Protein backbone atom coordinates (compact mmCIF):
# COMPACT_ATOMS: atom_id res chain seq x y z
CA MET A 1 130.75 58.74 16.58
CA SER A 2 132.87 61.41 14.88
CA ALA A 3 131.54 64.86 14.10
CA ALA A 4 131.60 64.14 10.47
CA TRP A 5 129.27 61.24 10.70
CA LEU A 6 126.97 63.36 13.12
CA LEU A 7 126.59 65.91 10.63
CA PHE A 8 126.28 63.88 7.56
CA LEU A 9 123.85 61.18 8.77
CA PRO A 10 120.84 63.46 9.46
CA ILE A 11 121.02 64.25 5.72
CA ALA A 12 121.86 60.96 4.42
CA LEU A 13 119.44 58.81 6.36
CA PRO A 14 116.39 60.49 5.06
CA PHE A 15 117.80 60.38 1.55
CA ALA A 16 118.47 56.56 1.87
CA GLY A 17 115.27 55.90 3.45
CA ALA A 18 113.42 57.60 0.67
CA VAL A 19 115.14 55.25 -1.85
CA LEU A 20 114.13 52.30 0.26
CA ALA A 21 110.52 53.56 0.62
CA PHE A 22 110.17 53.94 -3.06
CA ILE A 23 111.65 50.37 -3.97
CA ALA A 24 109.52 48.85 -1.24
CA GLY A 25 106.52 50.62 -2.71
CA ARG A 26 107.13 49.52 -6.17
CA ALA A 27 107.46 46.02 -4.97
CA GLY A 28 103.81 46.14 -3.88
CA ASP A 29 104.18 45.87 -0.20
CA ARG A 30 101.68 48.29 1.22
CA ARG A 31 103.30 48.30 4.83
CA ALA A 32 106.95 48.30 4.03
CA PRO A 33 107.15 52.01 3.01
CA GLN A 34 105.43 53.00 6.37
CA TRP A 35 107.88 51.13 8.42
CA VAL A 36 110.89 52.38 6.42
CA ASN A 37 109.48 55.90 7.03
CA VAL A 38 109.09 55.38 10.80
CA GLY A 39 112.35 53.58 11.10
CA THR A 40 114.28 56.34 9.24
CA THR A 41 112.82 59.18 11.28
CA ALA A 42 113.66 57.24 14.57
CA LEU A 43 117.26 56.85 13.62
CA MET A 44 117.30 60.47 12.60
CA THR A 45 116.01 61.34 15.96
CA LEU A 46 118.75 59.33 17.55
CA VAL A 47 121.53 60.87 15.56
CA SER A 48 120.33 64.36 16.01
CA LEU A 49 120.39 63.98 19.68
CA LEU A 50 123.97 62.74 19.53
CA LEU A 51 124.78 65.71 17.47
CA LEU A 52 123.25 67.99 19.85
CA SER A 53 125.05 66.44 22.60
CA ALA A 54 128.44 66.66 20.83
CA VAL A 55 127.71 70.46 20.13
CA TRP A 56 126.61 71.25 23.69
CA ARG A 57 129.96 69.50 25.02
CA ASP A 58 132.47 70.64 22.48
CA GLY A 59 131.04 73.81 20.78
CA PRO A 60 130.19 74.26 17.15
CA GLN A 61 131.05 71.13 14.73
CA ALA A 62 131.92 71.60 11.11
CA ILE A 63 133.08 69.33 8.26
CA GLN A 64 134.18 70.29 4.64
CA MET A 65 132.64 67.88 2.01
CA GLY A 66 134.99 66.33 -0.48
CA GLY A 67 138.04 67.81 1.40
CA TRP A 68 137.64 71.22 -0.08
CA ALA A 69 138.40 73.85 2.63
CA ALA A 70 136.14 76.71 3.39
CA PRO A 71 135.17 79.10 1.89
CA PHE A 72 135.51 77.23 -1.43
CA GLY A 73 133.92 73.87 -0.48
CA ILE A 74 130.49 72.71 0.84
CA THR A 75 130.46 73.10 4.43
CA LEU A 76 128.22 71.32 7.05
CA VAL A 77 128.14 73.11 10.28
CA ALA A 78 125.97 72.86 13.60
CA ASP A 79 125.97 75.22 16.44
CA ILE A 80 123.28 74.85 19.19
CA LEU A 81 120.67 76.68 17.18
CA GLY A 82 121.26 74.31 13.94
CA ALA A 83 121.59 71.20 16.24
CA VAL A 84 118.27 72.05 18.08
CA MET A 85 116.59 72.42 14.84
CA VAL A 86 117.73 69.30 13.56
CA VAL A 87 116.58 67.42 16.84
CA ILE A 88 113.05 68.96 16.57
CA THR A 89 112.73 68.23 12.70
CA ALA A 90 113.52 64.51 13.38
CA LEU A 91 111.15 64.28 16.40
CA SER A 92 108.21 65.95 14.71
CA GLY A 93 109.06 63.94 11.41
CA LEU A 94 108.95 60.76 13.47
CA ALA A 95 105.52 61.66 15.13
CA VAL A 96 104.01 62.61 11.77
CA ALA A 97 105.41 59.44 10.23
CA VAL A 98 103.57 57.27 12.85
CA TYR A 99 100.39 59.35 12.35
CA ALA A 100 100.65 58.81 8.48
CA MET A 101 100.47 54.95 8.95
CA ALA A 102 96.61 55.42 9.54
CA ASP A 103 96.19 58.84 7.65
CA ILE A 104 97.73 58.21 4.22
CA ASP A 105 95.61 56.09 1.86
CA GLU A 106 97.02 53.34 -0.14
CA GLY A 107 96.56 55.36 -3.33
CA ARG A 108 98.97 58.14 -2.18
CA ALA A 109 101.42 55.58 -0.58
CA LYS A 110 101.79 53.98 -4.07
CA LEU A 111 102.44 57.24 -5.76
CA GLY A 112 105.39 57.52 -3.46
CA TRP A 113 104.05 59.60 -0.45
CA HIS A 114 106.68 58.09 2.06
CA ALA A 115 109.67 58.57 -0.16
CA LEU A 116 108.51 62.27 -0.86
CA TYR A 117 108.08 62.72 2.82
CA LEU A 118 111.71 61.58 3.71
CA VAL A 119 113.00 63.80 0.82
CA LEU A 120 111.30 66.81 2.41
CA LEU A 121 112.73 65.96 5.86
CA ALA A 122 116.22 65.89 4.28
CA GLY A 123 115.64 69.26 2.61
CA VAL A 124 114.74 70.83 5.88
CA THR A 125 117.64 69.18 7.84
CA GLY A 126 120.14 70.30 5.04
CA ALA A 127 118.92 73.81 5.46
CA PHE A 128 119.68 73.72 9.12
CA LEU A 129 123.16 72.28 8.61
CA THR A 130 124.33 74.10 5.57
CA GLY A 131 127.25 76.68 6.09
CA ASP A 132 126.91 78.64 2.71
CA LEU A 133 124.10 80.56 1.14
CA PHE A 134 124.06 78.80 -2.43
CA ASN A 135 123.64 75.37 -0.70
CA LEU A 136 120.88 76.99 1.40
CA TYR A 137 119.19 77.94 -1.98
CA VAL A 138 119.59 74.22 -3.02
CA TRP A 139 117.92 72.80 0.01
CA PHE A 140 115.07 75.28 -0.14
CA GLU A 141 114.59 73.87 -3.67
CA VAL A 142 114.69 70.36 -2.49
CA MET A 143 112.02 71.50 0.03
CA LEU A 144 109.83 73.21 -2.34
CA ILE A 145 109.80 70.27 -5.04
CA ALA A 146 108.99 67.73 -2.30
CA SER A 147 106.52 69.93 -0.49
CA PHE A 148 104.77 70.92 -3.65
CA CYS A 149 104.42 67.07 -4.70
CA LEU A 150 103.09 66.13 -1.35
CA LEU A 151 100.56 69.14 -1.48
CA VAL A 152 99.07 67.97 -4.81
CA LEU A 153 99.46 64.11 -4.60
CA GLY A 154 96.22 62.64 -5.25
CA GLY A 155 95.05 65.27 -7.58
CA ASP A 156 92.08 66.68 -5.77
CA LYS A 157 90.80 69.99 -7.39
CA ALA A 158 91.42 71.85 -4.00
CA GLN A 159 94.82 70.41 -3.56
CA LEU A 160 95.76 71.59 -7.09
CA ASP A 161 94.31 74.90 -6.60
CA GLY A 162 96.20 75.35 -3.20
CA GLY A 163 99.38 73.96 -4.64
CA LEU A 164 99.43 76.45 -7.50
CA ARG A 165 99.14 79.15 -5.14
CA TYR A 166 101.66 77.74 -2.74
CA VAL A 167 104.36 77.28 -5.68
CA ALA A 168 103.63 80.67 -7.21
CA LEU A 169 104.57 82.91 -4.56
CA ASN A 170 107.43 80.53 -3.43
CA LEU A 171 108.95 80.87 -6.92
CA VAL A 172 108.92 84.58 -6.45
CA ALA A 173 110.75 84.02 -3.21
CA THR A 174 113.42 81.78 -5.17
CA VAL A 175 113.91 84.69 -7.55
CA MET A 176 114.51 86.98 -4.87
CA PHE A 177 116.83 84.74 -3.21
CA LEU A 178 118.92 84.15 -6.31
CA MET A 179 119.01 87.93 -6.99
CA ALA A 180 120.30 88.50 -3.62
CA ILE A 181 122.89 85.76 -3.75
CA GLY A 182 124.14 87.09 -7.06
CA LEU A 183 124.65 90.67 -5.76
CA LEU A 184 126.26 89.41 -2.48
CA TYR A 185 128.77 87.18 -4.49
CA GLY A 186 129.59 89.93 -6.77
CA LEU A 187 130.28 92.11 -3.90
CA THR A 188 132.19 89.93 -1.73
CA GLY A 189 133.24 86.95 -3.78
CA THR A 190 131.96 84.36 -1.33
CA LEU A 191 128.77 82.96 -0.18
CA ASN A 192 130.07 81.04 2.99
CA MET A 193 128.26 82.58 5.75
CA ALA A 194 131.18 82.33 8.32
CA ASP A 195 133.29 83.93 5.53
CA LEU A 196 130.78 86.68 4.77
CA HIS A 197 130.88 87.48 8.63
CA VAL A 198 134.41 88.47 8.11
CA THR A 199 134.46 89.69 4.48
CA LEU A 200 131.42 92.30 4.77
CA LYS A 201 133.23 94.09 7.57
CA THR A 202 135.80 95.15 4.88
CA VAL A 203 133.28 96.28 2.29
CA ASP A 204 132.95 99.93 1.98
CA ALA A 205 129.34 99.94 0.39
CA PRO A 206 126.88 100.27 3.31
CA GLY A 207 123.97 101.20 1.10
CA LEU A 208 124.36 98.31 -1.20
CA VAL A 209 124.95 95.94 1.88
CA THR A 210 121.76 97.03 3.28
CA THR A 211 119.91 96.67 -0.05
CA ILE A 212 121.03 93.18 -0.41
CA ALA A 213 119.87 92.44 3.25
CA VAL A 214 116.44 93.71 2.35
CA LEU A 215 116.34 91.46 -0.61
CA PHE A 216 117.16 88.49 1.60
CA LEU A 217 114.58 89.66 3.97
CA GLY A 218 112.01 89.63 1.45
CA ALA A 219 112.91 86.15 0.02
CA PHE A 220 112.95 84.64 3.59
CA GLY A 221 109.93 86.68 4.43
CA ILE A 222 107.92 84.82 1.84
CA LYS A 223 109.26 81.58 3.10
CA SER A 224 108.41 82.41 6.74
CA ALA A 225 104.88 83.86 5.73
CA VAL A 226 105.23 87.16 7.54
CA PHE A 227 103.09 90.25 6.87
CA PRO A 228 102.37 90.97 3.95
CA LEU A 229 103.62 87.87 2.26
CA PHE A 230 101.78 85.14 3.98
CA PHE A 231 98.66 84.65 1.40
CA TRP A 232 100.01 81.45 0.15
CA LEU A 233 99.87 79.66 3.52
CA PRO A 234 96.22 79.81 4.48
CA ALA A 235 95.41 79.09 0.79
CA SER A 236 97.23 75.77 0.84
CA TYR A 237 97.54 74.39 4.28
CA HIS A 238 94.16 73.10 4.55
CA VAL A 239 93.80 71.07 1.48
CA PRO A 240 96.26 68.03 1.69
CA PRO A 241 95.94 65.16 4.12
CA VAL A 242 96.41 65.93 7.77
CA ALA A 243 99.90 64.37 8.03
CA VAL A 244 101.00 66.78 5.32
CA SER A 245 99.37 69.82 6.91
CA ALA A 246 100.94 68.81 10.09
CA ILE A 247 104.46 68.44 8.91
CA PHE A 248 104.21 71.71 6.86
CA ALA A 249 102.82 73.54 9.92
CA ALA A 250 105.72 72.35 12.11
CA LEU A 251 108.54 73.15 9.79
CA LEU A 252 108.37 74.74 6.60
CA THR A 253 107.92 78.37 7.84
CA LYS A 254 110.39 77.73 10.58
CA VAL A 255 113.02 76.99 7.97
CA GLY A 256 112.54 80.66 6.76
CA VAL A 257 112.42 81.95 10.22
CA TYR A 258 115.92 80.02 10.99
CA ALA A 259 117.38 81.64 7.80
CA LEU A 260 116.35 85.09 9.05
CA ILE A 261 117.87 84.43 12.42
CA ARG A 262 121.08 83.16 10.85
CA LEU A 263 121.67 85.88 8.26
CA PHE A 264 120.67 88.67 10.56
CA THR A 265 122.91 87.62 13.42
CA LEU A 266 125.82 86.34 11.46
CA VAL A 267 125.96 88.35 8.18
CA PHE A 268 123.84 91.46 8.13
CA THR A 269 124.68 93.26 11.40
CA ALA A 270 126.17 96.47 10.19
CA ASP A 271 122.85 98.51 10.07
CA VAL A 272 120.96 96.89 12.84
CA ASP A 273 118.81 100.00 13.61
CA TYR A 274 117.49 99.93 10.00
CA THR A 275 117.20 96.30 9.26
CA HIS A 276 116.07 95.00 12.60
CA GLY A 277 113.72 98.12 12.88
CA ILE A 278 111.89 96.63 9.69
CA LEU A 279 111.73 93.22 11.21
CA LEU A 280 110.13 94.74 14.27
CA VAL A 281 107.32 96.45 12.33
CA ILE A 282 106.94 93.27 10.34
CA ALA A 283 106.68 91.15 13.56
CA GLY A 284 103.94 93.37 14.96
CA ALA A 285 101.92 93.43 11.78
CA THR A 286 102.37 89.67 11.34
CA MET A 287 100.99 88.88 14.87
CA VAL A 288 97.92 91.03 14.37
CA THR A 289 96.91 90.22 10.82
CA GLY A 290 97.47 86.43 11.68
CA VAL A 291 95.33 86.34 14.70
CA LEU A 292 92.63 88.46 13.14
CA GLY A 293 92.49 86.11 10.26
CA ALA A 294 92.13 83.13 12.61
CA ALA A 295 89.21 84.93 14.40
CA ALA A 296 87.40 85.23 11.21
CA GLN A 297 87.69 81.52 10.11
CA ASN A 298 85.21 78.85 10.82
CA GLN A 299 87.18 75.66 9.72
CA VAL A 300 89.65 74.13 12.04
CA ARG A 301 92.60 73.96 9.74
CA LYS A 302 92.23 77.43 8.40
CA ILE A 303 92.11 78.84 12.03
CA LEU A 304 95.26 76.86 12.88
CA SER A 305 96.99 78.12 9.55
CA PHE A 306 96.27 81.63 10.29
CA HIS A 307 97.57 81.15 13.84
CA ILE A 308 101.07 79.80 12.31
CA ILE A 309 101.20 83.31 10.64
CA SER A 310 100.61 85.00 13.97
CA GLN A 311 103.00 82.99 16.00
CA ILE A 312 105.63 83.64 13.42
CA GLY A 313 105.48 87.23 14.40
CA TYR A 314 106.55 86.34 17.99
CA MET A 315 109.76 84.76 16.47
CA VAL A 316 110.66 87.51 14.35
CA MET A 317 109.94 89.84 17.40
CA GLY A 318 112.67 88.18 19.22
CA LEU A 319 115.20 88.55 16.29
CA ALA A 320 114.15 92.18 15.89
CA LEU A 321 114.80 93.19 19.32
CA TYR A 322 118.34 91.55 19.05
CA THR A 323 119.23 91.26 22.74
CA PRO A 324 120.40 88.15 24.48
CA LEU A 325 117.08 87.68 26.17
CA ALA A 326 115.00 88.32 23.02
CA LEU A 327 117.14 85.65 20.84
CA LEU A 328 116.76 83.36 23.84
CA GLY A 329 112.86 83.80 23.47
CA ALA A 330 112.98 83.47 19.76
CA VAL A 331 114.88 80.10 19.99
CA PHE A 332 112.66 78.76 22.75
CA TYR A 333 109.54 79.94 20.86
CA LEU A 334 110.79 78.05 17.76
CA VAL A 335 111.00 74.72 19.55
CA HIS A 336 107.68 75.30 21.43
CA HIS A 337 105.76 76.25 18.42
CA ILE A 338 106.98 73.39 16.16
CA ILE A 339 105.73 70.80 18.74
CA VAL A 340 102.51 72.73 19.58
CA LYS A 341 101.39 73.43 16.03
CA ALA A 342 102.00 70.02 14.73
CA ASN A 343 100.11 68.57 17.61
CA LEU A 344 97.06 70.79 16.85
CA PHE A 345 96.84 69.79 13.23
CA LEU A 346 97.08 66.20 14.33
CA VAL A 347 94.27 66.80 16.98
CA GLY A 348 92.26 68.45 14.27
CA GLY A 349 92.62 65.40 11.98
CA VAL A 350 91.43 62.89 14.86
CA ALA A 351 88.39 65.27 15.36
CA LYS A 352 87.48 65.28 11.88
CA ARG A 353 87.61 61.53 11.63
CA ILE A 354 85.26 61.07 14.63
CA THR A 355 82.81 63.97 13.63
CA GLY A 356 83.11 63.95 9.84
CA SER A 357 84.16 67.42 9.08
CA PHE A 358 86.54 70.29 9.77
CA GLU A 359 83.84 72.91 9.62
CA LEU A 360 82.92 74.15 13.04
CA ASP A 361 79.29 74.56 12.28
CA ARG A 362 79.00 70.96 11.20
CA ILE A 363 80.70 69.18 14.15
CA GLY A 364 80.50 68.99 17.92
CA GLY A 365 79.96 66.64 20.84
CA LEU A 366 83.54 65.60 21.17
CA TYR A 367 83.86 66.27 24.96
CA LYS A 368 81.04 64.04 25.68
CA ALA A 369 82.15 61.33 23.30
CA LYS A 370 85.90 61.45 23.53
CA PRO A 371 87.07 63.27 26.76
CA TRP A 372 90.44 62.05 26.30
CA LEU A 373 90.74 63.81 23.16
CA ALA A 374 89.44 67.12 24.74
CA VAL A 375 92.33 66.97 27.09
CA LEU A 376 94.68 66.25 24.39
CA PHE A 377 93.36 69.29 22.46
CA LEU A 378 93.48 71.67 25.49
CA ILE A 379 97.17 71.03 26.26
CA PRO A 380 98.42 72.28 22.82
CA ALA A 381 95.77 74.87 22.46
CA LEU A 382 96.34 76.47 26.07
CA SER A 383 100.23 76.41 25.29
CA LEU A 384 99.53 78.25 22.01
CA ALA A 385 97.69 80.93 23.92
CA GLY A 386 100.49 81.17 26.46
CA ILE A 387 98.39 79.90 29.55
CA PRO A 388 100.80 78.75 32.47
CA PRO A 389 102.41 76.51 33.16
CA LEU A 390 102.65 75.07 29.61
CA SER A 391 105.46 75.73 27.02
CA GLY A 392 103.82 78.64 25.41
CA PHE A 393 103.72 80.76 28.71
CA TRP A 394 107.41 80.77 29.07
CA ALA A 395 108.02 81.56 25.49
CA LYS A 396 105.77 84.53 25.47
CA LEU A 397 106.97 85.61 29.08
CA VAL A 398 110.61 85.77 27.84
CA LEU A 399 109.86 87.69 24.75
CA ILE A 400 107.55 90.24 26.62
CA GLU A 401 110.20 90.74 29.31
CA ALA A 402 112.85 91.21 26.54
CA SER A 403 110.62 94.01 24.87
CA LEU A 404 110.03 95.73 28.33
CA GLU A 405 113.76 95.41 29.07
CA VAL A 406 114.61 97.86 25.94
CA GLU A 407 111.31 99.84 26.53
CA ALA A 408 109.59 98.60 23.26
CA TRP A 409 106.29 99.27 24.80
CA VAL A 410 104.19 99.08 21.62
CA ILE A 411 105.49 95.54 20.59
CA ALA A 412 105.01 94.55 24.14
CA GLY A 413 101.35 95.64 24.14
CA VAL A 414 100.78 93.93 20.77
CA ALA A 415 102.25 90.68 21.98
CA LEU A 416 99.82 90.68 25.07
CA VAL A 417 96.78 91.47 23.03
CA VAL A 418 97.33 89.08 20.28
CA GLY A 419 97.86 86.48 23.08
CA LEU A 420 94.39 87.26 24.34
CA LEU A 421 92.85 87.00 20.86
CA THR A 422 94.50 83.60 20.51
CA VAL A 423 92.45 82.43 23.69
CA PHE A 424 89.55 83.49 21.74
CA SER A 425 90.29 81.52 18.84
CA MET A 426 91.04 78.31 20.54
CA SER A 427 88.00 78.90 22.55
CA LYS A 428 85.79 79.08 19.60
CA ILE A 429 87.24 75.54 18.48
CA TRP A 430 86.53 74.25 22.06
CA LEU A 431 83.04 75.62 22.16
CA GLU A 432 82.10 74.49 18.59
CA ALA A 433 83.82 71.11 18.23
CA PHE A 434 84.15 69.88 21.77
CA TRP A 435 81.20 71.57 23.99
CA LYS A 436 78.24 71.80 21.84
CA PRO A 437 76.27 68.84 20.69
CA HIS A 438 76.90 67.51 17.27
CA PRO A 439 74.16 69.13 14.77
CA ASP A 440 73.21 65.58 13.63
CA GLY A 441 72.82 64.20 17.24
CA ASP A 442 75.07 61.89 19.39
CA ALA A 443 75.07 59.10 16.77
CA ALA A 444 76.85 61.27 14.26
CA VAL A 445 80.04 61.31 16.53
CA GLY A 446 82.19 58.23 15.99
CA ALA A 447 80.06 56.86 13.16
CA VAL A 448 83.14 56.02 11.27
CA ALA A 449 84.89 53.19 13.39
CA LEU A 450 88.60 52.95 13.78
CA THR A 451 90.66 49.91 14.08
CA ARG A 452 92.90 49.50 17.18
CA GLY A 453 95.87 49.87 14.87
CA GLU A 454 94.61 53.06 13.44
CA THR A 455 93.77 54.37 16.86
CA VAL A 456 97.22 53.73 18.14
CA ALA A 457 98.65 55.34 15.10
CA LEU A 458 96.64 58.38 15.33
CA VAL A 459 96.82 59.08 19.03
CA ALA A 460 100.28 57.94 20.13
CA PRO A 461 102.04 60.87 18.25
CA ILE A 462 99.55 63.34 19.99
CA VAL A 463 100.10 61.97 23.43
CA LEU A 464 104.04 62.26 22.69
CA LEU A 465 103.84 65.75 21.50
CA ALA A 466 101.39 66.69 24.42
CA SER A 467 103.85 65.26 27.03
CA ILE A 468 106.77 67.21 25.60
CA THR A 469 104.71 70.41 25.70
CA VAL A 470 103.82 69.73 29.41
CA ILE A 471 107.44 68.61 30.29
CA ILE A 472 108.75 72.09 28.76
CA GLY A 473 106.17 73.92 30.76
CA LEU A 474 106.89 72.22 34.10
CA ALA A 475 110.44 72.02 33.84
CA PRO A 476 111.56 74.91 31.56
CA GLN A 477 115.25 75.64 32.96
CA PRO A 478 117.08 73.13 30.81
CA PHE A 479 115.45 74.28 27.72
CA LEU A 480 115.87 77.86 28.78
CA ASP A 481 119.59 77.02 29.28
CA LEU A 482 119.91 75.71 25.81
CA ALA A 483 118.11 78.51 24.12
CA ALA A 484 120.29 81.02 26.33
CA ARG A 485 123.50 79.21 25.09
CA SER A 486 122.24 79.32 21.44
CA ALA A 487 121.52 83.18 22.03
CA GLN A 488 125.11 83.71 23.14
CA GLU A 489 126.57 81.84 20.14
CA LEU A 490 124.32 83.97 17.76
CA LEU A 491 125.44 87.33 19.37
CA ALA A 492 129.07 86.17 19.50
CA PRO A 493 129.55 83.96 16.57
CA GLU A 494 133.45 83.76 16.68
CA ALA A 495 133.53 80.15 17.71
CA TYR A 496 131.18 79.21 14.70
CA VAL A 497 133.31 81.33 12.27
CA ARG A 498 136.56 79.70 13.59
CA VAL A 499 135.38 76.09 13.17
CA VAL A 500 134.01 76.61 9.73
CA LEU A 501 137.25 78.66 8.47
CA GLY A 502 139.54 76.34 10.42
CA GLY A 503 141.48 79.15 11.92
CA LEU A 504 141.83 81.43 8.59
CA PRO A 505 141.61 85.07 9.17
């Protein structure tokens, strides 16, 4: 398959699937939109793996939509980082699509849930493959519209409240993003990221460039939910259906982190001491506030939501340190966290179905009643905490080693302490939900019977994601090699620039 199709299909497939799912839903077939969703995400996974294989074999791939040469046209481009993110988007999208077959009720399905879900995946994938900042803004808006609709679909009061908080702060990010884009275009006359890499080196206005960089940092910082811009996330991620929470937890903040990594390795590298110094402070504060917020909560999805914030700090830490080993760790952490965090939300959803609540003081008895679910919880929980030999251990080990390599003792200490506090939070869920008896007695556990089909749809994605976590942990070298190659390309983006600009100076 040609590079043009490999870059085009990961975006086109979910849009086409969304149209089919919507038509099938309007026709009154309850099951058809579900299968369209699952089939589309399965095809996306296959195509994205082919894209990653092509990028690994031949280097970065790029196409110019409509035949307009860069930097004037719309560029789609994938290096190792972009291709890896497309793969993990499709894979997590497939897992949640299967889970949604049992989680999304008929009312939401009739309102177009499956079509909106695929539009969201298209927006995320487009953000990972775009080569210019204006189209990155467009894909962010596609994500925002689809995610807001998914968040409030059904019209529950809690959903509407969470949705308003979610969209309000994200609109602030949109305004900052547009301001930064306008200033950057006025300064350089281009928004193509490869062209900016070249053009900004000739601009003799370092103060203005740094100011624009800080504006982008604020915009993407909101999208990433870093300190102190994270309040929208724990206010909204616990209110929608579990499938929505899981895909949000897996992908949405990671698009913001990806944008930070892309811009602050490809475009804004003239004043690294200042910009990446700010990022390092933000990383430490994000880790600490996130984990303390998690420790203070008593509801499963709120605990997991604050842990998203905490773990984002580790990824930003890798970017801020700005060494090959640190960027390797940031990329590895991105992949690990998407899988683990989606899985923890899915496990939480099954636990709620069995025990009747997300509140820790109202549930219990899961270990006795469902020991298999206890094992499936422990795998991602221990991985999130960085316990060997799971994927989170290697991710944290690499980042801490990178911080010690450059004698960044404070951030290394913060990362270690936050890891210990993460163990505490995960232990709280274990002790309350799994170990202690249910406050209403053993009969309350599993009072709501699940059909065989529902059980398969709910458990199969959890088993898949847990297996990936174990595989990465037990055989990390291929994944470390992939992350190392990505880090090399980020620090030496000449091949990326050359394939986008087609040899132009």
